[in-house]
Full PDB file with SEQRES, HELIX, SHEET, SSBOND, CRYST1, ORIGX, SCALE, CONECT and MASTER records, all heavy atoms in Angstrom:
SEQRES   1 A   42  ASP HIS HIS ALA LYS THR TYR GLY HIS PRO ALA ASP THR          
SEQRES   2 A   42  GLY PHE MET GLU ILE GLU ASN LEU TRP LYS ALA GLU ASN          
SEQRES   3 A   42  TRP ASN PRO ASP ALA LEU LEU ASP LEU TYR LYS ALA ALA          
SEQRES   4 A   42  GLY ALA ARG                                                  
HELIX    1 AA1 HIS A    2  THR A    6  1                                   5    
HELIX    2 AA2 PHE A   15  LEU A   21  1                                   7    
HELIX    3 AA3 PRO A   29  ALA A   38  1                                  10    
CRYST1    1.000    1.000    1.000  90.00  90.00  90.00 P 1           1          
ORIGX1      1.000000  0.000000  0.000000        0.00000                         
ORIGX2      0.000000  1.000000  0.000000        0.00000                         
ORIGX3      0.000000  0.000000  1.000000        0.00000                         
SCALE1      1.000000  0.000000  0.000000        0.00000                         
SCALE2      0.000000  1.000000  0.000000        0.00000                         
SCALE3      0.000000  0.000000  1.000000        0.00000                         
ATOM      1  N   ASP A   1     -16.049   6.254  -6.787  1.00  0.00           N  
ATOM      2  CA  ASP A   1     -16.392   5.383  -7.919  1.00  0.00           C  
ATOM      3  C   ASP A   1     -15.461   4.178  -7.984  1.00  0.00           C  
ATOM      4  O   ASP A   1     -15.904   3.046  -8.218  1.00  0.00           O  
ATOM      5  CB  ASP A   1     -16.315   6.171  -9.223  1.00  0.00           C  
ATOM      6  CG  ASP A   1     -17.362   7.275  -9.301  1.00  0.00           C  
ATOM      7  OD1 ASP A   1     -18.397   7.159  -8.610  1.00  0.00           O  
ATOM      8  OD2 ASP A   1     -17.130   8.260 -10.023  1.00  0.00           O  
ATOM      9  N   HIS A   2     -14.167   4.423  -7.772  1.00  0.00           N  
ATOM     10  CA  HIS A   2     -13.197   3.321  -7.800  1.00  0.00           C  
ATOM     11  C   HIS A   2     -13.520   2.302  -6.705  1.00  0.00           C  
ATOM     12  O   HIS A   2     -13.496   1.087  -6.946  1.00  0.00           O  
ATOM     13  CB  HIS A   2     -11.788   3.874  -7.602  1.00  0.00           C  
ATOM     14  CG  HIS A   2     -10.737   2.811  -7.508  1.00  0.00           C  
ATOM     15  ND1 HIS A   2     -10.075   2.304  -8.605  1.00  0.00           N  
ATOM     16  CD2 HIS A   2     -10.235   2.131  -6.434  1.00  0.00           C  
ATOM     17  CE1 HIS A   2      -9.215   1.384  -8.221  1.00  0.00           C  
ATOM     18  NE2 HIS A   2      -9.300   1.256  -6.906  1.00  0.00           N  
ATOM     19  N   HIS A   3     -13.831   2.797  -5.526  1.00  0.00           N  
ATOM     20  CA  HIS A   3     -14.083   1.903  -4.404  1.00  0.00           C  
ATOM     21  C   HIS A   3     -15.338   1.068  -4.641  1.00  0.00           C  
ATOM     22  O   HIS A   3     -15.335  -0.158  -4.422  1.00  0.00           O  
ATOM     23  CB  HIS A   3     -14.233   2.709  -3.114  1.00  0.00           C  
ATOM     24  CG  HIS A   3     -14.227   1.855  -1.888  1.00  0.00           C  
ATOM     25  ND1 HIS A   3     -13.074   1.435  -1.273  1.00  0.00           N  
ATOM     26  CD2 HIS A   3     -15.246   1.307  -1.181  1.00  0.00           C  
ATOM     27  CE1 HIS A   3     -13.383   0.676  -0.231  1.00  0.00           C  
ATOM     28  NE2 HIS A   3     -14.696   0.586  -0.152  1.00  0.00           N  
ATOM     29  N   ALA A   4     -16.398   1.740  -5.080  1.00  0.00           N  
ATOM     30  CA  ALA A   4     -17.649   1.018  -5.317  1.00  0.00           C  
ATOM     31  C   ALA A   4     -17.468  -0.072  -6.372  1.00  0.00           C  
ATOM     32  O   ALA A   4     -18.007  -1.190  -6.244  1.00  0.00           O  
ATOM     33  CB  ALA A   4     -18.737   1.999  -5.738  1.00  0.00           C  
ATOM     34  N   LYS A   5     -16.702   0.220  -7.404  1.00  0.00           N  
ATOM     35  CA  LYS A   5     -16.478  -0.742  -8.481  1.00  0.00           C  
ATOM     36  C   LYS A   5     -15.558  -1.877  -8.052  1.00  0.00           C  
ATOM     37  O   LYS A   5     -15.776  -3.049  -8.432  1.00  0.00           O  
ATOM     38  CB  LYS A   5     -15.889  -0.020  -9.686  1.00  0.00           C  
ATOM     39  CG  LYS A   5     -15.605  -0.920 -10.875  1.00  0.00           C  
ATOM     40  CD  LYS A   5     -15.017  -0.128 -12.035  1.00  0.00           C  
ATOM     41  CE  LYS A   5     -14.673  -1.007 -13.222  1.00  0.00           C  
ATOM     42  NZ  LYS A   5     -14.089  -0.241 -14.349  1.00  0.00           N  
ATOM     43  N   THR A   6     -14.541  -1.552  -7.247  1.00  0.00           N  
ATOM     44  CA  THR A   6     -13.488  -2.522  -6.925  1.00  0.00           C  
ATOM     45  C   THR A   6     -13.778  -3.316  -5.661  1.00  0.00           C  
ATOM     46  O   THR A   6     -13.526  -4.529  -5.604  1.00  0.00           O  
ATOM     47  CB  THR A   6     -12.135  -1.796  -6.786  1.00  0.00           C  
ATOM     48  OG1 THR A   6     -11.909  -0.981  -7.941  1.00  0.00           O  
ATOM     49  CG2 THR A   6     -10.999  -2.800  -6.628  1.00  0.00           C  
ATOM     50  N   TYR A   7     -14.317  -2.633  -4.638  1.00  0.00           N  
ATOM     51  CA  TYR A   7     -14.464  -3.274  -3.330  1.00  0.00           C  
ATOM     52  C   TYR A   7     -15.915  -3.370  -2.854  1.00  0.00           C  
ATOM     53  O   TYR A   7     -16.225  -4.201  -1.990  1.00  0.00           O  
ATOM     54  CB  TYR A   7     -13.659  -2.505  -2.284  1.00  0.00           C  
ATOM     55  CG  TYR A   7     -12.192  -2.345  -2.636  1.00  0.00           C  
ATOM     56  CD1 TYR A   7     -11.688  -1.123  -3.054  1.00  0.00           C  
ATOM     57  CD2 TYR A   7     -11.328  -3.438  -2.559  1.00  0.00           C  
ATOM     58  CE1 TYR A   7     -10.342  -0.971  -3.385  1.00  0.00           C  
ATOM     59  CE2 TYR A   7      -9.982  -3.304  -2.887  1.00  0.00           C  
ATOM     60  CZ  TYR A   7      -9.494  -2.066  -3.299  1.00  0.00           C  
ATOM     61  OH  TYR A   7      -8.170  -1.929  -3.633  1.00  0.00           O  
ATOM     62  N   GLY A   8     -16.776  -2.516  -3.375  1.00  0.00           N  
ATOM     63  CA  GLY A   8     -18.163  -2.515  -2.938  1.00  0.00           C  
ATOM     64  C   GLY A   8     -18.564  -1.168  -2.368  1.00  0.00           C  
ATOM     65  O   GLY A   8     -17.745  -0.270  -2.180  1.00  0.00           O  
ATOM     66  N   HIS A   9     -19.837  -1.030  -2.084  1.00  0.00           N  
ATOM     67  CA  HIS A   9     -20.369   0.224  -1.552  1.00  0.00           C  
ATOM     68  C   HIS A   9     -19.772   0.491  -0.172  1.00  0.00           C  
ATOM     69  O   HIS A   9     -19.596  -0.436   0.625  1.00  0.00           O  
ATOM     70  CB  HIS A   9     -21.897   0.142  -1.468  1.00  0.00           C  
ATOM     71  CG  HIS A   9     -22.544   1.444  -1.166  1.00  0.00           C  
ATOM     72  ND1 HIS A   9     -22.757   1.896   0.126  1.00  0.00           N  
ATOM     73  CD2 HIS A   9     -23.018   2.423  -1.987  1.00  0.00           C  
ATOM     74  CE1 HIS A   9     -23.346   3.076   0.076  1.00  0.00           C  
ATOM     75  NE2 HIS A   9     -23.513   3.421  -1.196  1.00  0.00           N  
ATOM     76  N   PRO A  10     -19.465   1.759   0.149  1.00  0.00           N  
ATOM     77  CA  PRO A  10     -18.826   2.046   1.435  1.00  0.00           C  
ATOM     78  C   PRO A  10     -19.695   1.785   2.660  1.00  0.00           C  
ATOM     79  O   PRO A  10     -19.170   1.762   3.778  1.00  0.00           O  
ATOM     80  CB  PRO A  10     -18.447   3.527   1.325  1.00  0.00           C  
ATOM     81  CG  PRO A  10     -19.235   4.077   0.189  1.00  0.00           C  
ATOM     82  CD  PRO A  10     -19.469   2.944  -0.736  1.00  0.00           C  
ATOM     83  N   ALA A  11     -20.973   1.564   2.482  1.00  0.00           N  
ATOM     84  CA  ALA A  11     -21.776   1.106   3.612  1.00  0.00           C  
ATOM     85  C   ALA A  11     -21.499  -0.363   3.920  1.00  0.00           C  
ATOM     86  O   ALA A  11     -21.674  -0.822   5.055  1.00  0.00           O  
ATOM     87  CB  ALA A  11     -23.266   1.296   3.318  1.00  0.00           C  
ATOM     88  N   ASP A  12     -21.033  -1.106   2.913  1.00  0.00           N  
ATOM     89  CA  ASP A  12     -20.759  -2.540   3.063  1.00  0.00           C  
ATOM     90  C   ASP A  12     -19.284  -2.819   3.301  1.00  0.00           C  
ATOM     91  O   ASP A  12     -18.928  -3.700   4.098  1.00  0.00           O  
ATOM     92  CB  ASP A  12     -21.195  -3.292   1.802  1.00  0.00           C  
ATOM     93  CG  ASP A  12     -22.649  -3.062   1.450  1.00  0.00           C  
ATOM     94  OD1 ASP A  12     -23.464  -2.929   2.372  1.00  0.00           O  
ATOM     95  OD2 ASP A  12     -22.952  -2.992   0.236  1.00  0.00           O  
ATOM     96  N   THR A  13     -18.433  -2.095   2.590  1.00  0.00           N  
ATOM     97  CA  THR A  13     -16.994  -2.318   2.661  1.00  0.00           C  
ATOM     98  C   THR A  13     -16.316  -0.972   2.920  1.00  0.00           C  
ATOM     99  O   THR A  13     -16.129  -0.170   2.000  1.00  0.00           O  
ATOM    100  CB  THR A  13     -16.454  -2.919   1.352  1.00  0.00           C  
ATOM    101  OG1 THR A  13     -17.206  -4.072   1.021  1.00  0.00           O  
ATOM    102  CG2 THR A  13     -14.984  -3.279   1.487  1.00  0.00           C  
ATOM    103  N   GLY A  14     -15.999  -0.727   4.159  1.00  0.00           N  
ATOM    104  CA  GLY A  14     -15.390   0.543   4.530  1.00  0.00           C  
ATOM    105  C   GLY A  14     -13.879   0.502   4.460  1.00  0.00           C  
ATOM    106  O   GLY A  14     -13.269  -0.520   4.115  1.00  0.00           O  
ATOM    107  N   PHE A  15     -13.253   1.622   4.826  1.00  0.00           N  
ATOM    108  CA  PHE A  15     -11.805   1.669   4.696  1.00  0.00           C  
ATOM    109  C   PHE A  15     -11.097   0.734   5.672  1.00  0.00           C  
ATOM    110  O   PHE A  15      -9.968   0.311   5.409  1.00  0.00           O  
ATOM    111  CB  PHE A  15     -11.269   3.101   4.869  1.00  0.00           C  
ATOM    112  CG  PHE A  15      -9.823   3.202   4.468  1.00  0.00           C  
ATOM    113  CD1 PHE A  15      -9.453   3.149   3.133  1.00  0.00           C  
ATOM    114  CD2 PHE A  15      -8.820   3.256   5.428  1.00  0.00           C  
ATOM    115  CE1 PHE A  15      -8.122   3.178   2.758  1.00  0.00           C  
ATOM    116  CE2 PHE A  15      -7.480   3.298   5.064  1.00  0.00           C  
ATOM    117  CZ  PHE A  15      -7.134   3.261   3.723  1.00  0.00           C  
ATOM    118  N   MET A  16     -11.725   0.389   6.772  1.00  0.00           N  
ATOM    119  CA  MET A  16     -11.078  -0.550   7.686  1.00  0.00           C  
ATOM    120  C   MET A  16     -10.739  -1.857   6.977  1.00  0.00           C  
ATOM    121  O   MET A  16      -9.751  -2.519   7.321  1.00  0.00           O  
ATOM    122  CB  MET A  16     -11.944  -0.803   8.918  1.00  0.00           C  
ATOM    123  CG  MET A  16     -13.314  -1.343   8.628  1.00  0.00           C  
ATOM    124  SD  MET A  16     -14.304  -1.561  10.136  1.00  0.00           S  
ATOM    125  CE  MET A  16     -13.731  -3.183  10.656  1.00  0.00           C  
ATOM    126  N   GLU A  17     -11.532  -2.223   5.976  1.00  0.00           N  
ATOM    127  CA  GLU A  17     -11.223  -3.435   5.222  1.00  0.00           C  
ATOM    128  C   GLU A  17      -9.978  -3.249   4.354  1.00  0.00           C  
ATOM    129  O   GLU A  17      -9.214  -4.194   4.143  1.00  0.00           O  
ATOM    130  CB  GLU A  17     -12.413  -3.821   4.346  1.00  0.00           C  
ATOM    131  CG  GLU A  17     -13.703  -4.098   5.107  1.00  0.00           C  
ATOM    132  CD  GLU A  17     -13.630  -5.360   5.961  1.00  0.00           C  
ATOM    133  OE1 GLU A  17     -12.744  -6.203   5.722  1.00  0.00           O  
ATOM    134  OE2 GLU A  17     -14.492  -5.510   6.860  1.00  0.00           O  
ATOM    135  N   ILE A  18      -9.778  -2.046   3.851  1.00  0.00           N  
ATOM    136  CA  ILE A  18      -8.574  -1.760   3.059  1.00  0.00           C  
ATOM    137  C   ILE A  18      -7.340  -1.798   3.952  1.00  0.00           C  
ATOM    138  O   ILE A  18      -6.270  -2.264   3.521  1.00  0.00           O  
ATOM    139  CB  ILE A  18      -8.690  -0.404   2.344  1.00  0.00           C  
ATOM    140  CG1 ILE A  18     -10.008  -0.323   1.558  1.00  0.00           C  
ATOM    141  CG2 ILE A  18      -7.497  -0.175   1.426  1.00  0.00           C  
ATOM    142  CD1 ILE A  18     -10.192  -1.392   0.522  1.00  0.00           C  
ATOM    143  N   GLU A  19      -7.485  -1.329   5.194  1.00  0.00           N  
ATOM    144  CA  GLU A  19      -6.354  -1.418   6.134  1.00  0.00           C  
ATOM    145  C   GLU A  19      -5.857  -2.863   6.217  1.00  0.00           C  
ATOM    146  O   GLU A  19      -4.652  -3.122   6.241  1.00  0.00           O  
ATOM    147  CB  GLU A  19      -6.764  -0.935   7.532  1.00  0.00           C  
ATOM    148  CG  GLU A  19      -7.252   0.486   7.639  1.00  0.00           C  
ATOM    149  CD  GLU A  19      -6.147   1.539   7.643  1.00  0.00           C  
ATOM    150  OE1 GLU A  19      -4.996   1.215   7.281  1.00  0.00           O  
ATOM    151  OE2 GLU A  19      -6.446   2.692   7.995  1.00  0.00           O  
ATOM    152  N   ASN A  20      -6.779  -3.791   6.238  1.00  0.00           N  
ATOM    153  CA  ASN A  20      -6.378  -5.191   6.377  1.00  0.00           C  
ATOM    154  C   ASN A  20      -5.901  -5.806   5.075  1.00  0.00           C  
ATOM    155  O   ASN A  20      -5.276  -6.866   5.074  1.00  0.00           O  
ATOM    156  CB  ASN A  20      -7.543  -6.017   6.931  1.00  0.00           C  
ATOM    157  CG  ASN A  20      -7.071  -7.333   7.507  1.00  0.00           C  
ATOM    158  OD1 ASN A  20      -6.086  -7.374   8.247  1.00  0.00           O  
ATOM    159  ND2 ASN A  20      -7.751  -8.408   7.171  1.00  0.00           N  
ATOM    160  N   LEU A  21      -6.177  -5.150   3.939  1.00  0.00           N  
ATOM    161  CA  LEU A  21      -5.653  -5.626   2.652  1.00  0.00           C  
ATOM    162  C   LEU A  21      -4.205  -5.189   2.420  1.00  0.00           C  
ATOM    163  O   LEU A  21      -3.563  -5.658   1.478  1.00  0.00           O  
ATOM    164  CB  LEU A  21      -6.524  -5.111   1.503  1.00  0.00           C  
ATOM    165  CG  LEU A  21      -7.944  -5.663   1.416  1.00  0.00           C  
ATOM    166  CD1 LEU A  21      -8.682  -5.027   0.242  1.00  0.00           C  
ATOM    167  CD2 LEU A  21      -7.932  -7.176   1.289  1.00  0.00           C  
ATOM    168  N   TRP A  22      -3.712  -4.277   3.233  1.00  0.00           N  
ATOM    169  CA  TRP A  22      -2.322  -3.831   3.119  1.00  0.00           C  
ATOM    170  C   TRP A  22      -1.423  -4.925   3.698  1.00  0.00           C  
ATOM    171  O   TRP A  22      -1.357  -5.107   4.906  1.00  0.00           O  
ATOM    172  CB  TRP A  22      -2.153  -2.508   3.871  1.00  0.00           C  
ATOM    173  CG  TRP A  22      -0.769  -1.943   3.800  1.00  0.00           C  
ATOM    174  CD1 TRP A  22       0.134  -2.087   2.808  1.00  0.00           C  
ATOM    175  CD2 TRP A  22      -0.137  -1.118   4.792  1.00  0.00           C  
ATOM    176  NE1 TRP A  22       1.294  -1.408   3.098  1.00  0.00           N  
ATOM    177  CE2 TRP A  22       1.150  -0.798   4.314  1.00  0.00           C  
ATOM    178  CE3 TRP A  22      -0.537  -0.617   6.027  1.00  0.00           C  
ATOM    179  CZ2 TRP A  22       2.043  -0.011   5.041  1.00  0.00           C  
ATOM    180  CZ3 TRP A  22       0.329   0.175   6.749  1.00  0.00           C  
ATOM    181  CH2 TRP A  22       1.614   0.483   6.250  1.00  0.00           C  
ATOM    182  N   LYS A  23      -0.716  -5.647   2.829  1.00  0.00           N  
ATOM    183  CA  LYS A  23       0.077  -6.794   3.279  1.00  0.00           C  
ATOM    184  C   LYS A  23       1.582  -6.582   3.195  1.00  0.00           C  
ATOM    185  O   LYS A  23       2.343  -7.320   3.810  1.00  0.00           O  
ATOM    186  CB  LYS A  23      -0.302  -8.034   2.469  1.00  0.00           C  
ATOM    187  CG  LYS A  23      -1.778  -8.416   2.567  1.00  0.00           C  
ATOM    188  CD  LYS A  23      -2.218  -8.689   3.998  1.00  0.00           C  
ATOM    189  CE  LYS A  23      -3.662  -9.154   4.059  1.00  0.00           C  
ATOM    190  NZ  LYS A  23      -4.136  -9.319   5.463  1.00  0.00           N  
ATOM    191  N   ALA A  24       2.029  -5.619   2.391  1.00  0.00           N  
ATOM    192  CA  ALA A  24       3.470  -5.356   2.241  1.00  0.00           C  
ATOM    193  C   ALA A  24       4.227  -6.624   1.882  1.00  0.00           C  
ATOM    194  O   ALA A  24       5.372  -6.830   2.291  1.00  0.00           O  
ATOM    195  CB  ALA A  24       4.030  -4.740   3.529  1.00  0.00           C  
ATOM    196  N   GLU A  25       3.615  -7.467   1.069  1.00  0.00           N  
ATOM    197  CA  GLU A  25       4.142  -8.822   0.859  1.00  0.00           C  
ATOM    198  C   GLU A  25       5.437  -8.871   0.058  1.00  0.00           C  
ATOM    199  O   GLU A  25       6.186  -9.857   0.151  1.00  0.00           O  
ATOM    200  CB  GLU A  25       3.082  -9.706   0.190  1.00  0.00           C  
ATOM    201  CG  GLU A  25       2.653  -9.274  -1.209  1.00  0.00           C  
ATOM    202  CD  GLU A  25       1.502  -8.286  -1.232  1.00  0.00           C  
ATOM    203  OE1 GLU A  25       1.292  -7.567  -0.217  1.00  0.00           O  
ATOM    204  OE2 GLU A  25       0.811  -8.223  -2.272  1.00  0.00           O  
ATOM    205  N   ASN A  26       5.728  -7.832  -0.720  1.00  0.00           N  
ATOM    206  CA  ASN A  26       6.967  -7.818  -1.514  1.00  0.00           C  
ATOM    207  C   ASN A  26       7.940  -6.723  -1.075  1.00  0.00           C  
ATOM    208  O   ASN A  26       8.858  -6.380  -1.819  1.00  0.00           O  
ATOM    209  CB  ASN A  26       6.615  -7.633  -2.995  1.00  0.00           C  
ATOM    210  CG  ASN A  26       5.812  -8.795  -3.545  1.00  0.00           C  
ATOM    211  OD1 ASN A  26       6.146  -9.954  -3.292  1.00  0.00           O  
ATOM    212  ND2 ASN A  26       4.742  -8.502  -4.267  1.00  0.00           N  
ATOM    213  N   TRP A  27       7.745  -6.230   0.098  1.00  0.00           N  
ATOM    214  CA  TRP A  27       8.558  -5.120   0.628  1.00  0.00           C  
ATOM    215  C   TRP A  27       9.979  -5.585   0.924  1.00  0.00           C  
ATOM    216  O   TRP A  27      10.183  -6.555   1.643  1.00  0.00           O  
ATOM    217  CB  TRP A  27       7.879  -4.599   1.886  1.00  0.00           C  
ATOM    218  CG  TRP A  27       8.581  -3.479   2.598  1.00  0.00           C  
ATOM    219  CD1 TRP A  27       9.221  -2.423   2.040  1.00  0.00           C  
ATOM    220  CD2 TRP A  27       8.657  -3.308   4.015  1.00  0.00           C  
ATOM    221  NE1 TRP A  27       9.705  -1.583   3.030  1.00  0.00           N  
ATOM    222  CE2 TRP A  27       9.371  -2.109   4.244  1.00  0.00           C  
ATOM    223  CE3 TRP A  27       8.189  -4.032   5.115  1.00  0.00           C  
ATOM    224  CZ2 TRP A  27       9.623  -1.626   5.538  1.00  0.00           C  
ATOM    225  CZ3 TRP A  27       8.431  -3.557   6.395  1.00  0.00           C  
ATOM    226  CH2 TRP A  27       9.145  -2.373   6.591  1.00  0.00           C  
ATOM    227  N   ASN A  28      10.943  -4.884   0.365  1.00  0.00           N  
ATOM    228  CA  ASN A  28      12.361  -5.150   0.622  1.00  0.00           C  
ATOM    229  C   ASN A  28      13.021  -3.838   1.027  1.00  0.00           C  
ATOM    230  O   ASN A  28      13.584  -3.127   0.183  1.00  0.00           O  
ATOM    231  CB  ASN A  28      13.033  -5.734  -0.620  1.00  0.00           C  
ATOM    232  CG  ASN A  28      14.463  -6.170  -0.365  1.00  0.00           C  
ATOM    233  OD1 ASN A  28      15.115  -5.698   0.568  1.00  0.00           O  
ATOM    234  ND2 ASN A  28      14.972  -7.063  -1.197  1.00  0.00           N  
ATOM    235  N   PRO A  29      12.948  -3.472   2.296  1.00  0.00           N  
ATOM    236  CA  PRO A  29      13.478  -2.174   2.718  1.00  0.00           C  
ATOM    237  C   PRO A  29      14.970  -2.028   2.474  1.00  0.00           C  
ATOM    238  O   PRO A  29      15.450  -0.921   2.208  1.00  0.00           O  
ATOM    239  CB  PRO A  29      13.133  -2.107   4.212  1.00  0.00           C  
ATOM    240  CG  PRO A  29      12.928  -3.531   4.622  1.00  0.00           C  
ATOM    241  CD  PRO A  29      12.369  -4.223   3.435  1.00  0.00           C  
ATOM    242  N   ASP A  30      15.712  -3.112   2.549  1.00  0.00           N  
ATOM    243  CA  ASP A  30      17.154  -3.027   2.313  1.00  0.00           C  
ATOM    244  C   ASP A  30      17.451  -2.599   0.879  1.00  0.00           C  
ATOM    245  O   ASP A  30      18.294  -1.731   0.632  1.00  0.00           O  
ATOM    246  CB  ASP A  30      17.820  -4.369   2.619  1.00  0.00           C  
ATOM    247  CG  ASP A  30      17.774  -4.720   4.097  1.00  0.00           C  
ATOM    248  OD1 ASP A  30      18.081  -3.842   4.923  1.00  0.00           O  
ATOM    249  OD2 ASP A  30      17.403  -5.860   4.422  1.00  0.00           O  
ATOM    250  N   ALA A  31      16.764  -3.205  -0.071  1.00  0.00           N  
ATOM    251  CA  ALA A  31      16.994  -2.849  -1.471  1.00  0.00           C  
ATOM    252  C   ALA A  31      16.575  -1.412  -1.753  1.00  0.00           C  
ATOM    253  O   ALA A  31      17.275  -0.669  -2.457  1.00  0.00           O  
ATOM    254  CB  ALA A  31      16.233  -3.808  -2.381  1.00  0.00           C  
ATOM    255  N   LEU A  32      15.436  -0.987  -1.200  1.00  0.00           N  
ATOM    256  CA  LEU A  32      14.987   0.389  -1.416  1.00  0.00           C  
ATOM    257  C   LEU A  32      15.962   1.391  -0.825  1.00  0.00           C  
ATOM    258  O   LEU A  32      16.306   2.405  -1.451  1.00  0.00           O  
ATOM    259  CB  LEU A  32      13.591   0.579  -0.820  1.00  0.00           C  
ATOM    260  CG  LEU A  32      12.443  -0.078  -1.586  1.00  0.00           C  
ATOM    261  CD1 LEU A  32      11.147   0.013  -0.785  1.00  0.00           C  
ATOM    262  CD2 LEU A  32      12.262   0.556  -2.958  1.00  0.00           C  
ATOM    263  N   LEU A  33      16.442   1.121   0.366  1.00  0.00           N  
ATOM    264  CA  LEU A  33      17.339   2.079   1.018  1.00  0.00           C  
ATOM    265  C   LEU A  33      18.730   2.074   0.389  1.00  0.00           C  
ATOM    266  O   LEU A  33      19.406   3.110   0.384  1.00  0.00           O  
ATOM    267  CB  LEU A  33      17.396   1.817   2.521  1.00  0.00           C  
ATOM    268  CG  LEU A  33      16.100   2.245   3.227  1.00  0.00           C  
ATOM    269  CD1 LEU A  33      16.027   1.699   4.630  1.00  0.00           C  
ATOM    270  CD2 LEU A  33      15.968   3.760   3.250  1.00  0.00           C  
ATOM    271  N   ASP A  34      19.153   0.958  -0.166  1.00  0.00           N  
ATOM    272  CA  ASP A  34      20.388   0.973  -0.958  1.00  0.00           C  
ATOM    273  C   ASP A  34      20.224   1.893  -2.169  1.00  0.00           C  
ATOM    274  O   ASP A  34      21.129   2.676  -2.502  1.00  0.00           O  
ATOM    275  CB  ASP A  34      20.725  -0.446  -1.434  1.00  0.00           C  
ATOM    276  CG  ASP A  34      21.306  -1.322  -0.335  1.00  0.00           C  
ATOM    277  OD1 ASP A  34      21.756  -0.781   0.692  1.00  0.00           O  
ATOM    278  OD2 ASP A  34      21.299  -2.560  -0.505  1.00  0.00           O  
ATOM    279  N   LEU A  35      19.083   1.804  -2.821  1.00  0.00           N  
ATOM    280  CA  LEU A  35      18.790   2.654  -3.969  1.00  0.00           C  
ATOM    281  C   LEU A  35      18.757   4.121  -3.564  1.00  0.00           C  
ATOM    282  O   LEU A  35      19.339   4.982  -4.244  1.00  0.00           O  
ATOM    283  CB  LEU A  35      17.445   2.240  -4.568  1.00  0.00           C  
ATOM    284  CG  LEU A  35      16.933   3.062  -5.750  1.00  0.00           C  
ATOM    285  CD1 LEU A  35      17.780   2.806  -6.992  1.00  0.00           C  
ATOM    286  CD2 LEU A  35      15.461   2.722  -6.020  1.00  0.00           C  
ATOM    287  N   TYR A  36      18.107   4.423  -2.444  1.00  0.00           N  
ATOM    288  CA  TYR A  36      17.957   5.808  -2.008  1.00  0.00           C  
ATOM    289  C   TYR A  36      19.286   6.406  -1.557  1.00  0.00           C  
ATOM    290  O   TYR A  36      19.582   7.572  -1.842  1.00  0.00           O  
ATOM    291  CB  TYR A  36      16.933   5.888  -0.881  1.00  0.00           C  
ATOM    292  CG  TYR A  36      15.528   5.487  -1.288  1.00  0.00           C  
ATOM    293  CD1 TYR A  36      14.554   5.236  -0.337  1.00  0.00           C  
ATOM    294  CD2 TYR A  36      15.175   5.345  -2.627  1.00  0.00           C  
ATOM    295  CE1 TYR A  36      13.264   4.871  -0.696  1.00  0.00           C  
ATOM    296  CE2 TYR A  36      13.889   4.970  -3.001  1.00  0.00           C  
ATOM    297  CZ  TYR A  36      12.937   4.732  -2.026  1.00  0.00           C  
ATOM    298  OH  TYR A  36      11.670   4.375  -2.396  1.00  0.00           O  
ATOM    299  N   LYS A  37      20.082   5.605  -0.878  1.00  0.00           N  
ATOM    300  CA  LYS A  37      21.388   6.120  -0.474  1.00  0.00           C  
ATOM    301  C   LYS A  37      22.257   6.398  -1.697  1.00  0.00           C  
ATOM    302  O   LYS A  37      22.968   7.411  -1.747  1.00  0.00           O  
ATOM    303  CB  LYS A  37      22.083   5.132   0.462  1.00  0.00           C  
ATOM    304  CG  LYS A  37      23.426   5.669   0.968  1.00  0.00           C  
ATOM    305  CD  LYS A  37      24.059   4.788   2.022  1.00  0.00           C  
ATOM    306  CE  LYS A  37      25.373   5.417   2.501  1.00  0.00           C  
ATOM    307  NZ  LYS A  37      26.019   4.606   3.564  1.00  0.00           N  
ATOM    308  N   ALA A  38      22.217   5.513  -2.684  1.00  0.00           N  
ATOM    309  CA  ALA A  38      22.996   5.728  -3.901  1.00  0.00           C  
ATOM    310  C   ALA A  38      22.564   7.000  -4.618  1.00  0.00           C  
ATOM    311  O   ALA A  38      23.365   7.638  -5.312  1.00  0.00           O  
ATOM    312  CB  ALA A  38      22.853   4.520  -4.828  1.00  0.00           C  
ATOM    313  N   ALA A  39      21.294   7.394  -4.448  1.00  0.00           N  
ATOM    314  CA  ALA A  39      20.783   8.611  -5.082  1.00  0.00           C  
ATOM    315  C   ALA A  39      21.227   9.876  -4.354  1.00  0.00           C  
ATOM    316  O   ALA A  39      20.967  10.974  -4.842  1.00  0.00           O  
ATOM    317  CB  ALA A  39      19.271   8.570  -5.151  1.00  0.00           C  
ATOM    318  N   GLY A  40      21.868   9.717  -3.202  1.00  0.00           N  
ATOM    319  CA  GLY A  40      22.376  10.867  -2.477  1.00  0.00           C  
ATOM    320  C   GLY A  40      21.627  11.213  -1.222  1.00  0.00           C  
ATOM    321  O   GLY A  40      21.983  12.180  -0.533  1.00  0.00           O  
ATOM    322  N   ALA A  41      20.580  10.466  -0.885  1.00  0.00           N  
ATOM    323  CA  ALA A  41      19.831  10.766   0.329  1.00  0.00           C  
ATOM    324  C   ALA A  41      20.742  10.656   1.548  1.00  0.00           C  
ATOM    325  O   ALA A  41      21.494   9.683   1.675  1.00  0.00           O  
ATOM    326  CB  ALA A  41      18.650   9.821   0.477  1.00  0.00           C  
ATOM    327  N   ARG A  42      20.641  11.638   2.419  1.00  0.00           N  
ATOM    328  CA  ARG A  42      21.379  11.622   3.680  1.00  0.00           C  
ATOM    329  C   ARG A  42      20.459  11.353   4.865  1.00  0.00           C  
ATOM    330  O   ARG A  42      20.922  11.102   5.967  1.00  0.00           O  
ATOM    331  CB  ARG A  42      22.105  12.944   3.898  1.00  0.00           C  
ATOM    332  CG  ARG A  42      23.148  13.292   2.836  1.00  0.00           C  
ATOM    333  CD  ARG A  42      24.251  12.259   2.763  1.00  0.00           C  
ATOM    334  NE  ARG A  42      25.423  12.731   2.064  1.00  0.00           N  
ATOM    335  CZ  ARG A  42      25.730  12.474   0.802  1.00  0.00           C  
ATOM    336  NH1 ARG A  42      24.896  11.732   0.073  1.00  0.00           N  
ATOM    337  NH2 ARG A  42      26.844  12.924   0.261  1.00  0.00           N  
TER     338      ARG A  42                                                      
MASTER        0    0    0    3    0    0    0    6  337    1    0    4          
END                                                                             
């Protein structure tokens, strides 16, 4: 239901299109890993 409402029917807009919508445009791995290390992750 979410897909049909947001992206279209899966016969028209399949998951391969969602793969290409993944842009990671605000990803900051350094900041995330600083946070995770501070939390105790080894």
